[in-house]
Amino acid sequence: MAKSVMELILQLAAILLLSKLFGLFMRKLGLPEVVGSVFAGLILGNAIWGLFLPETNFIFPIKESDNLALFSKIGVLLILFKAGLETDVNQIKSLGIKALLVAMGGVLLPLGLGFLLGLVMLPDQTWHTWLFIGTIMTATSVGITVETLKSLGKYNTKIGSIITSAAIIDDVLGMIVLTVVMSIEGGAEDQNAVLKLINPHAYPIITILWMFVFFIVAIAFGYLIVKFFNHINKVKPNVHRVPIYSLVICFLYAYVAEEVFGVADITGAYIGGAILSLCHNTAIYADKKLDVGSYTFFTPVFFAYIGIQISFQSFTANVIIISVLFVIIAILGKIVGCGGVALLTGENLKDSTRVGVGMIARGEVALAVTTTGISAGLIANEYISMTVLLVLVSSILAPILLKALYKGEEAHPPVAEAEGNYE
């Protein structure tokens, strides 16, 4: 036991060090730091070393580490919880139907195209897998887009607001799609104890209806949670108990979602964060405090663990072809889906193209969805490479194309950077 604990400590030290070094390098290249963490996992895992030392699974014995898997699970829950905390309901309301329609275009078209890709390229798989490939494509991460818009002085413009609002709605719709796919995929043997009791024959319609019960219960309890946190904020704002209570909400919603309602735990964590976002001051404070533990520890371990699980030995010509087609379709799906709807709702061609391009970037949510699907057996482990490739390519393309589309236009005063320097 003592030896395994010390091995874990060594593994964590290596992961954190390489994640930060590679992350800083990626930032210099204008890419998300999470890409650096994935590369750190590639270096530490068997993706590279396995090519030269086939008898050795890893540079040091991470193997199928339950401990790293546990830290990785906490990391992905915190990522989705923080995404929920950053949901701006007022911004969504201000743009109303247009942002909703743009988001729907960015979900439905990639979802359909991903399904067709799976149907054509993976004919031996079930339709659940084909649908899940489309589900991965629905995710949007506009962190790089926001930074680019800020640098161009276009963040607080109408187009900038449409992009950010639609991206938020995209995440909500994406979580719903993921929940539906996960709910109808499993058979009776894959259901939790509660679902087995109320749905012993695993009828999909009952599973889906039970999923909607989760959302009703989550919102009902959410009303009480909002009142509780608003009371704390009124009596003693910004006390240390706030982030602790917030973590309780994150983990309880994740647990109840998966173990009671058969909903993906990351959906529960996201909904918990979205409910807390209604307490604006609490959400800002909790997000800032949780960012320390999440950013410095759990998040790097999650993304590094993704890299650790990648093996180039499992790469085949089919995997490479599907990965390339997946990236092309996922990018075009957002440009056409979001940009097309923006055009139909009154924006000119250039602004509509900007909206579409602003929605192509993928990041941590897409990776989180992919790992959830792999754990559920919806897709083989080697196909995680296609999501990693999508994150990399879309993160490079989004700022390049946006800068080209805004070239020659006068910039508004740049938006001040958020407090904090994580270098």
Protein backbone atom coordinates (compact mmCIF):
# COMPACT_ATOMS: atom_id res chain seq x y z
CA MET A 1 0.00 0.00 0.00
CA ALA A 2 2.71 2.41 0.97
CA LYS A 3 4.51 1.76 -2.30
CA SER A 4 1.37 2.35 -4.38
CA VAL A 5 0.70 5.61 -2.51
CA MET A 6 4.24 6.86 -3.21
CA GLU A 7 3.88 5.84 -6.86
CA LEU A 8 0.69 7.89 -7.03
CA ILE A 9 2.47 10.90 -5.54
CA LEU A 10 5.23 10.58 -8.14
CA GLN A 11 2.65 10.27 -10.92
CA LEU A 12 0.79 13.37 -9.75
CA ALA A 13 4.02 15.36 -9.52
CA ALA A 14 4.96 14.39 -13.09
CA ILE A 15 1.46 15.13 -14.42
CA LEU A 16 1.23 18.56 -12.78
CA LEU A 17 4.74 19.61 -13.83
CA LEU A 18 4.44 18.53 -17.46
CA SER A 19 0.86 19.83 -17.72
CA LYS A 20 1.97 23.29 -16.69
CA LEU A 21 5.08 23.32 -18.91
CA PHE A 22 3.20 22.09 -21.96
CA GLY A 23 0.25 24.34 -21.07
CA LEU A 24 2.41 27.45 -21.04
CA PHE A 25 3.92 26.40 -24.37
CA MET A 26 0.45 25.95 -25.87
CA ARG A 27 -0.59 29.35 -24.57
CA LYS A 28 2.38 30.90 -26.37
CA LEU A 29 1.06 29.27 -29.54
CA GLY A 30 -2.40 30.71 -28.89
CA LEU A 31 -3.91 27.33 -27.98
CA PRO A 32 -5.83 26.27 -24.85
CA GLU A 33 -3.70 25.07 -21.94
CA VAL A 34 -5.82 21.91 -21.74
CA VAL A 35 -4.17 20.76 -24.98
CA GLY A 36 -0.87 20.90 -23.11
CA SER A 37 -2.25 18.66 -20.38
CA VAL A 38 -3.36 16.10 -22.98
CA PHE A 39 0.13 16.15 -24.48
CA ALA A 40 1.59 15.65 -21.00
CA GLY A 41 -0.51 12.51 -20.72
CA LEU A 42 0.73 11.34 -24.13
CA ILE A 43 4.33 11.72 -22.95
CA LEU A 44 3.72 9.89 -19.66
CA GLY A 45 1.48 7.17 -21.04
CA ASN A 46 2.09 4.41 -23.50
CA ALA A 47 1.12 6.36 -26.63
CA ILE A 48 4.77 7.13 -27.42
CA TRP A 49 6.75 4.80 -25.14
CA GLY A 50 4.70 1.82 -26.20
CA LEU A 51 6.03 2.20 -29.75
CA PHE A 52 9.61 1.69 -28.58
CA LEU A 53 9.12 -0.37 -25.42
CA PRO A 54 6.14 -2.64 -26.17
CA GLU A 55 6.77 -4.69 -23.04
CA THR A 56 6.43 -1.61 -20.83
CA ASN A 57 2.98 -0.07 -20.63
CA PHE A 58 4.15 3.27 -19.26
CA ILE A 59 7.32 5.20 -18.44
CA PHE A 60 6.29 4.50 -14.84
CA PRO A 61 3.52 2.14 -13.75
CA ILE A 62 0.36 4.20 -14.05
CA LYS A 63 -1.39 1.24 -15.74
CA GLU A 64 -5.12 1.20 -15.10
CA SER A 65 -4.83 3.44 -12.07
CA ASP A 66 -8.05 3.58 -10.08
CA ASN A 67 -6.60 6.50 -8.12
CA LEU A 68 -5.92 8.59 -11.22
CA ALA A 69 -9.34 7.62 -12.58
CA LEU A 70 -10.91 8.92 -9.35
CA PHE A 71 -9.09 12.27 -9.54
CA SER A 72 -10.00 12.45 -13.22
CA LYS A 73 -13.69 11.91 -12.40
CA ILE A 74 -13.65 14.72 -9.83
CA GLY A 75 -11.91 16.89 -12.42
CA VAL A 76 -14.57 16.38 -15.09
CA LEU A 77 -17.37 17.05 -12.58
CA LEU A 78 -15.73 20.32 -11.56
CA ILE A 79 -15.27 21.32 -15.20
CA LEU A 80 -18.97 20.89 -15.94
CA PHE A 81 -20.00 22.44 -12.62
CA LYS A 82 -17.92 25.53 -13.36
CA ALA A 83 -19.39 25.67 -16.87
CA GLY A 84 -22.80 25.77 -15.22
CA LEU A 85 -21.69 28.50 -12.81
CA GLU A 86 -20.66 30.65 -15.77
CA THR A 87 -24.10 30.42 -17.39
CA ASP A 88 -25.48 33.93 -17.81
CA VAL A 89 -29.27 33.60 -17.84
CA ASN A 90 -29.78 37.38 -18.20
CA GLN A 91 -27.60 37.48 -21.30
CA ILE A 92 -29.58 34.63 -22.82
CA LYS A 93 -32.84 36.45 -22.07
CA SER A 94 -31.57 39.70 -23.61
CA LEU A 95 -31.00 38.09 -27.02
CA GLY A 96 -33.96 35.78 -26.71
CA ILE A 97 -35.11 33.80 -29.69
CA LYS A 98 -32.19 34.64 -32.00
CA ALA A 99 -29.53 33.16 -29.71
CA LEU A 100 -31.76 30.12 -29.12
CA LEU A 101 -32.26 29.53 -32.86
CA VAL A 102 -28.54 29.95 -33.58
CA ALA A 103 -27.74 27.46 -30.83
CA MET A 104 -30.31 24.99 -32.15
CA GLY A 105 -28.77 25.24 -35.61
CA GLY A 106 -25.38 24.54 -34.03
CA VAL A 107 -26.74 21.45 -32.30
CA LEU A 108 -29.12 19.86 -34.80
CA LEU A 109 -26.94 20.04 -37.93
CA PRO A 110 -23.73 18.67 -36.31
CA LEU A 111 -25.84 16.03 -34.55
CA GLY A 112 -27.34 14.87 -37.84
CA LEU A 113 -24.04 15.02 -39.73
CA GLY A 114 -22.27 13.09 -36.97
CA PHE A 115 -24.98 10.42 -37.10
CA LEU A 116 -24.47 10.08 -40.87
CA LEU A 117 -20.69 9.87 -40.42
CA GLY A 118 -21.12 7.01 -37.97
CA LEU A 119 -23.66 5.30 -40.21
CA VAL A 120 -21.30 5.37 -43.21
CA MET A 121 -17.94 4.78 -41.52
CA LEU A 122 -18.98 2.48 -38.65
CA PRO A 123 -21.75 0.34 -40.15
CA ASP A 124 -21.03 -2.49 -37.71
CA GLN A 125 -21.89 -0.27 -34.71
CA THR A 126 -25.36 0.47 -33.30
CA TRP A 127 -27.30 3.63 -33.95
CA HIS A 128 -26.56 4.67 -30.36
CA THR A 129 -22.88 5.02 -31.31
CA TRP A 130 -23.72 6.95 -34.47
CA LEU A 131 -25.90 9.34 -32.47
CA PHE A 132 -23.19 9.75 -29.85
CA ILE A 133 -20.66 10.82 -32.51
CA GLY A 134 -23.06 13.62 -33.40
CA THR A 135 -23.50 14.43 -29.71
CA ILE A 136 -19.76 15.08 -29.36
CA MET A 137 -19.98 17.53 -32.27
CA THR A 138 -22.68 19.60 -30.56
CA ALA A 139 -20.35 20.87 -27.81
CA THR A 140 -19.01 24.43 -28.10
CA SER A 141 -16.21 26.10 -26.16
CA VAL A 142 -15.82 29.79 -26.90
CA GLY A 143 -12.95 30.59 -24.54
CA ILE A 144 -10.54 31.21 -27.42
CA THR A 145 -13.25 32.97 -29.42
CA VAL A 146 -13.96 35.33 -26.51
CA GLU A 147 -10.26 36.15 -26.11
CA THR A 148 -10.01 36.81 -29.86
CA LEU A 149 -13.08 39.04 -29.85
CA LYS A 150 -11.68 40.95 -26.87
CA SER A 151 -8.37 41.52 -28.64
CA LEU A 152 -10.26 42.78 -31.70
CA GLY A 153 -12.49 45.01 -29.58
CA LYS A 154 -15.59 43.13 -30.76
CA TYR A 155 -16.60 41.24 -27.64
CA ASN A 156 -19.31 43.68 -26.52
CA THR A 157 -20.85 43.97 -29.98
CA LYS A 158 -24.13 42.39 -31.06
CA ILE A 159 -22.31 39.56 -32.89
CA GLY A 160 -20.06 38.90 -29.89
CA SER A 161 -23.11 38.66 -27.63
CA ILE A 162 -24.91 36.30 -30.03
CA ILE A 163 -21.87 34.00 -30.11
CA THR A 164 -21.42 33.83 -26.33
CA SER A 165 -25.15 33.46 -25.61
CA ALA A 166 -25.61 30.77 -28.27
CA ALA A 167 -22.59 28.90 -26.90
CA ILE A 168 -24.14 28.84 -23.43
CA ILE A 169 -27.43 27.50 -24.83
CA ASP A 170 -25.41 25.03 -26.92
CA ASP A 171 -23.97 23.53 -23.74
CA VAL A 172 -27.43 23.20 -22.20
CA LEU A 173 -28.87 21.55 -25.32
CA GLY A 174 -25.78 19.37 -25.62
CA MET A 175 -26.24 18.10 -22.07
CA ILE A 176 -29.88 17.28 -22.82
CA VAL A 177 -28.91 15.39 -25.99
CA LEU A 178 -26.20 13.50 -24.07
CA THR A 179 -28.69 12.60 -21.35
CA VAL A 180 -31.20 11.26 -23.88
CA VAL A 181 -28.56 9.22 -25.71
CA MET A 182 -27.20 7.78 -22.46
CA SER A 183 -30.72 7.02 -21.25
CA ILE A 184 -31.81 5.01 -24.29
CA GLU A 185 -28.49 3.23 -24.85
CA GLY A 186 -28.30 0.89 -21.89
CA GLY A 187 -30.19 -2.34 -21.41
CA ALA A 188 -31.70 -3.61 -18.20
CA GLU A 189 -28.33 -4.84 -16.95
CA ASP A 190 -26.83 -1.33 -17.31
CA GLN A 191 -29.52 0.44 -15.31
CA ASN A 192 -29.09 1.61 -11.74
CA ALA A 193 -31.10 0.03 -8.92
CA VAL A 194 -33.90 2.63 -9.06
CA LEU A 195 -34.39 2.29 -12.81
CA LYS A 196 -34.36 -1.49 -12.57
CA LEU A 197 -37.17 -1.22 -10.04
CA ILE A 198 -39.45 1.09 -12.03
CA ASN A 199 -38.38 -0.06 -15.51
CA PRO A 200 -37.33 -3.75 -15.29
CA HIS A 201 -37.69 -4.28 -19.06
CA ALA A 202 -35.63 -1.18 -19.92
CA TYR A 203 -38.27 0.46 -22.11
CA PRO A 204 -36.62 3.60 -23.61
CA ILE A 205 -39.74 5.75 -23.22
CA ILE A 206 -39.88 5.11 -19.46
CA THR A 207 -36.16 5.86 -19.15
CA ILE A 208 -36.57 9.16 -21.00
CA LEU A 209 -39.62 10.16 -18.94
CA TRP A 210 -37.67 9.37 -15.76
CA MET A 211 -34.88 11.59 -17.09
CA PHE A 212 -37.32 14.50 -17.39
CA VAL A 213 -38.43 13.83 -13.81
CA PHE A 214 -34.80 14.50 -12.85
CA PHE A 215 -34.92 17.95 -14.43
CA ILE A 216 -38.20 18.73 -12.64
CA VAL A 217 -36.79 17.61 -9.28
CA ALA A 218 -33.50 19.41 -9.91
CA ILE A 219 -35.30 22.68 -10.65
CA ALA A 220 -37.68 22.29 -7.69
CA PHE A 221 -34.80 21.77 -5.26
CA GLY A 222 -32.92 24.47 -7.12
CA TYR A 223 -35.53 26.99 -6.01
CA LEU A 224 -34.73 26.16 -2.38
CA ILE A 225 -31.00 26.21 -3.05
CA VAL A 226 -31.19 29.68 -4.61
CA LYS A 227 -33.14 30.98 -1.60
CA PHE A 228 -30.57 29.42 0.76
CA PHE A 229 -27.56 30.94 -0.99
CA ASN A 230 -29.26 34.32 -1.41
CA HIS A 231 -29.87 34.32 2.36
CA ILE A 232 -26.20 33.60 3.04
CA ASN A 233 -25.17 36.32 0.60
CA LYS A 234 -27.46 38.79 2.36
CA VAL A 235 -26.36 37.93 5.91
CA LYS A 236 -22.65 37.14 5.35
CA PRO A 237 -21.52 37.49 1.76
CA ASN A 238 -18.35 35.82 0.45
CA VAL A 239 -17.68 33.56 3.43
CA HIS A 240 -15.56 30.43 3.06
CA ARG A 241 -18.54 28.14 3.57
CA VAL A 242 -19.98 29.25 0.18
CA PRO A 243 -17.53 27.31 -2.04
CA ILE A 244 -17.79 24.33 0.33
CA TYR A 245 -21.60 24.30 0.07
CA SER A 246 -21.21 24.76 -3.68
CA LEU A 247 -19.09 21.61 -3.90
CA VAL A 248 -21.76 19.76 -1.93
CA ILE A 249 -24.33 20.83 -4.55
CA CYS A 250 -22.01 19.73 -7.37
CA PHE A 251 -21.37 16.26 -6.00
CA LEU A 252 -24.93 15.65 -4.74
CA TYR A 253 -26.47 16.61 -8.08
CA ALA A 254 -23.95 14.41 -9.90
CA TYR A 255 -24.66 11.45 -7.59
CA VAL A 256 -28.45 11.75 -7.63
CA ALA A 257 -28.47 12.25 -11.42
CA GLU A 258 -26.55 9.04 -12.09
CA GLU A 259 -27.57 6.76 -9.24
CA VAL A 260 -31.26 7.67 -8.96
CA PHE A 261 -32.34 8.94 -12.37
CA GLY A 262 -29.85 7.26 -14.70
CA VAL A 263 -28.69 10.63 -16.02
CA ALA A 264 -24.99 11.22 -16.74
CA ASP A 265 -23.22 12.53 -13.64
CA ILE A 266 -21.65 15.38 -15.62
CA THR A 267 -25.17 16.55 -16.54
CA GLY A 268 -26.07 16.64 -12.87
CA ALA A 269 -22.94 18.65 -12.06
CA TYR A 270 -23.71 21.08 -14.90
CA ILE A 271 -27.33 21.57 -13.78
CA GLY A 272 -26.13 22.18 -10.20
CA GLY A 273 -23.79 24.90 -11.42
CA ALA A 274 -26.46 26.45 -13.67
CA ILE A 275 -28.85 26.68 -10.70
CA LEU A 276 -26.20 28.40 -8.58
CA SER A 277 -25.52 30.83 -11.44
CA LEU A 278 -28.89 32.38 -10.61
CA CYS A 279 -27.24 33.62 -7.38
CA HIS A 280 -24.94 35.95 -9.28
CA ASN A 281 -22.63 37.08 -6.47
CA THR A 282 -22.43 33.58 -5.01
CA ALA A 283 -21.61 32.08 -8.41
CA ILE A 284 -18.79 34.57 -9.02
CA TYR A 285 -17.28 34.02 -5.58
CA ALA A 286 -17.64 30.22 -5.69
CA ASP A 287 -16.21 30.07 -9.21
CA LYS A 288 -13.19 32.12 -8.16
CA LYS A 289 -12.48 29.99 -5.08
CA LEU A 290 -13.06 26.63 -6.79
CA ASP A 291 -10.85 27.70 -9.66
CA VAL A 292 -7.77 27.29 -7.47
CA GLY A 293 -8.24 23.59 -6.71
CA SER A 294 -9.78 22.81 -10.09
CA TYR A 295 -7.23 24.66 -12.24
CA THR A 296 -4.14 23.64 -10.30
CA PHE A 297 -4.94 20.01 -9.63
CA PHE A 298 -8.07 18.18 -10.75
CA THR A 299 -8.43 19.65 -14.24
CA PRO A 300 -4.81 18.92 -15.32
CA VAL A 301 -5.16 15.35 -14.01
CA PHE A 302 -8.38 14.86 -16.00
CA PHE A 303 -6.90 16.05 -19.29
CA ALA A 304 -3.59 14.26 -18.72
CA TYR A 305 -5.52 11.06 -18.01
CA ILE A 306 -7.13 11.44 -21.44
CA GLY A 307 -3.66 11.53 -23.00
CA ILE A 308 -2.53 8.58 -20.90
CA GLN A 309 -5.34 6.44 -22.28
CA ILE A 310 -4.46 7.17 -25.92
CA SER A 311 -2.45 4.49 -27.69
CA PHE A 312 -1.08 4.96 -31.20
CA GLN A 313 -0.76 1.18 -31.44
CA SER A 314 -4.54 0.99 -31.72
CA PHE A 315 -4.59 3.48 -34.59
CA THR A 316 -5.78 2.02 -37.87
CA ALA A 317 -6.37 3.60 -41.24
CA ASN A 318 -10.10 3.63 -40.43
CA VAL A 319 -9.55 5.50 -37.14
CA ILE A 320 -7.40 8.13 -38.89
CA ILE A 321 -9.89 8.60 -41.75
CA ILE A 322 -12.83 8.89 -39.35
CA SER A 323 -10.91 11.37 -37.20
CA VAL A 324 -10.13 13.63 -40.16
CA LEU A 325 -13.70 13.47 -41.49
CA PHE A 326 -15.01 14.05 -37.96
CA VAL A 327 -13.00 17.28 -37.64
CA ILE A 328 -14.04 18.59 -41.06
CA ILE A 329 -17.72 17.81 -40.54
CA ALA A 330 -17.76 19.15 -36.96
CA ILE A 331 -16.28 22.48 -38.07
CA LEU A 332 -18.46 22.88 -41.16
CA GLY A 333 -21.52 21.80 -39.17
CA LYS A 334 -21.13 24.73 -36.77
CA ILE A 335 -20.34 27.27 -39.51
CA VAL A 336 -23.31 26.26 -41.65
CA GLY A 337 -25.69 25.46 -38.78
CA CYS A 338 -25.09 28.58 -36.68
CA GLY A 339 -24.18 30.93 -39.52
CA GLY A 340 -27.10 29.76 -41.65
CA VAL A 341 -29.61 30.42 -38.89
CA ALA A 342 -28.07 33.85 -38.22
CA LEU A 343 -28.48 34.64 -41.92
CA LEU A 344 -32.12 33.50 -41.91
CA THR A 345 -32.85 35.65 -38.83
CA GLY A 346 -31.72 38.89 -40.45
CA GLU A 347 -27.93 39.14 -40.13
CA ASN A 348 -25.90 39.91 -43.24
CA LEU A 349 -23.66 37.29 -44.84
CA LYS A 350 -20.43 38.56 -43.27
CA ASP A 351 -21.84 38.78 -39.74
CA SER A 352 -23.52 35.40 -40.14
CA THR A 353 -20.18 33.88 -41.16
CA ARG A 354 -18.61 35.46 -38.07
CA VAL A 355 -21.26 33.84 -35.89
CA GLY A 356 -20.63 30.44 -37.48
CA VAL A 357 -16.86 30.70 -37.19
CA GLY A 358 -17.15 31.92 -33.61
CA MET A 359 -18.95 28.70 -32.68
CA ILE A 360 -16.46 26.19 -34.13
CA ALA A 361 -14.04 26.03 -31.19
CA ARG A 362 -14.27 22.93 -29.02
CA GLY A 363 -12.59 22.31 -25.69
CA GLU A 364 -13.06 20.72 -22.31
CA VAL A 365 -16.81 20.01 -22.67
CA ALA A 366 -16.28 17.98 -25.86
CA LEU A 367 -13.53 15.97 -24.17
CA ALA A 368 -15.68 15.45 -21.08
CA VAL A 369 -18.60 14.21 -23.19
CA THR A 370 -16.30 11.85 -25.11
CA THR A 371 -14.82 10.27 -21.99
CA THR A 372 -18.33 9.82 -20.57
CA GLY A 373 -19.38 7.98 -23.73
CA ILE A 374 -16.29 5.78 -23.63
CA SER A 375 -17.03 4.83 -20.01
CA ALA A 376 -20.59 3.95 -21.01
CA GLY A 377 -19.38 1.79 -23.90
CA LEU A 378 -20.92 4.04 -26.55
CA ILE A 379 -17.67 4.35 -28.46
CA ALA A 380 -14.27 2.63 -28.47
CA ASN A 381 -11.40 4.19 -26.53
CA GLU A 382 -9.22 4.81 -29.60
CA TYR A 383 -11.75 7.28 -31.00
CA ILE A 384 -10.94 9.80 -28.27
CA SER A 385 -8.18 10.89 -30.66
CA MET A 386 -10.76 12.41 -32.99
CA THR A 387 -12.00 14.73 -30.24
CA VAL A 388 -8.44 15.69 -29.27
CA LEU A 389 -7.75 16.47 -32.95
CA LEU A 390 -10.95 18.53 -33.16
CA VAL A 391 -9.99 20.58 -30.10
CA LEU A 392 -6.55 21.23 -31.56
CA VAL A 393 -7.65 22.14 -35.10
CA SER A 394 -10.69 24.22 -34.11
CA SER A 395 -8.65 26.13 -31.51
CA ILE A 396 -6.17 27.11 -34.21
CA LEU A 397 -8.74 27.91 -36.89
CA ALA A 398 -11.21 29.98 -34.83
CA PRO A 399 -8.92 32.97 -34.05
CA ILE A 400 -7.29 32.91 -37.50
CA LEU A 401 -10.63 33.01 -39.34
CA LEU A 402 -12.18 35.56 -36.97
CA LYS A 403 -9.24 37.93 -37.37
CA ALA A 404 -9.52 37.58 -41.15
CA LEU A 405 -13.26 38.31 -41.06
CA TYR A 406 -12.75 41.45 -38.95
CA LYS A 407 -9.69 42.66 -40.86
CA GLY A 408 -9.81 46.37 -41.64
CA GLU A 409 -12.65 47.19 -39.23
CA GLU A 410 -12.25 49.70 -36.44
CA ALA A 411 -11.94 48.10 -33.02
CA HIS A 412 -13.88 49.14 -29.95
CA PRO A 413 -11.85 49.74 -26.77
CA PRO A 414 -10.58 46.35 -25.57
CA VAL A 415 -12.30 44.74 -22.62
CA ALA A 416 -10.23 44.60 -19.43
CA GLU A 417 -8.77 41.20 -18.64
CA ALA A 418 -10.22 39.19 -15.80
CA GLU A 419 -8.42 39.33 -12.48
CA GLY A 420 -5.76 36.69 -11.98
CA ASN A 421 -2.64 35.46 -13.69
CA TYR A 422 -2.20 31.72 -13.78
CA GLU A 423 1.29 31.59 -15.28
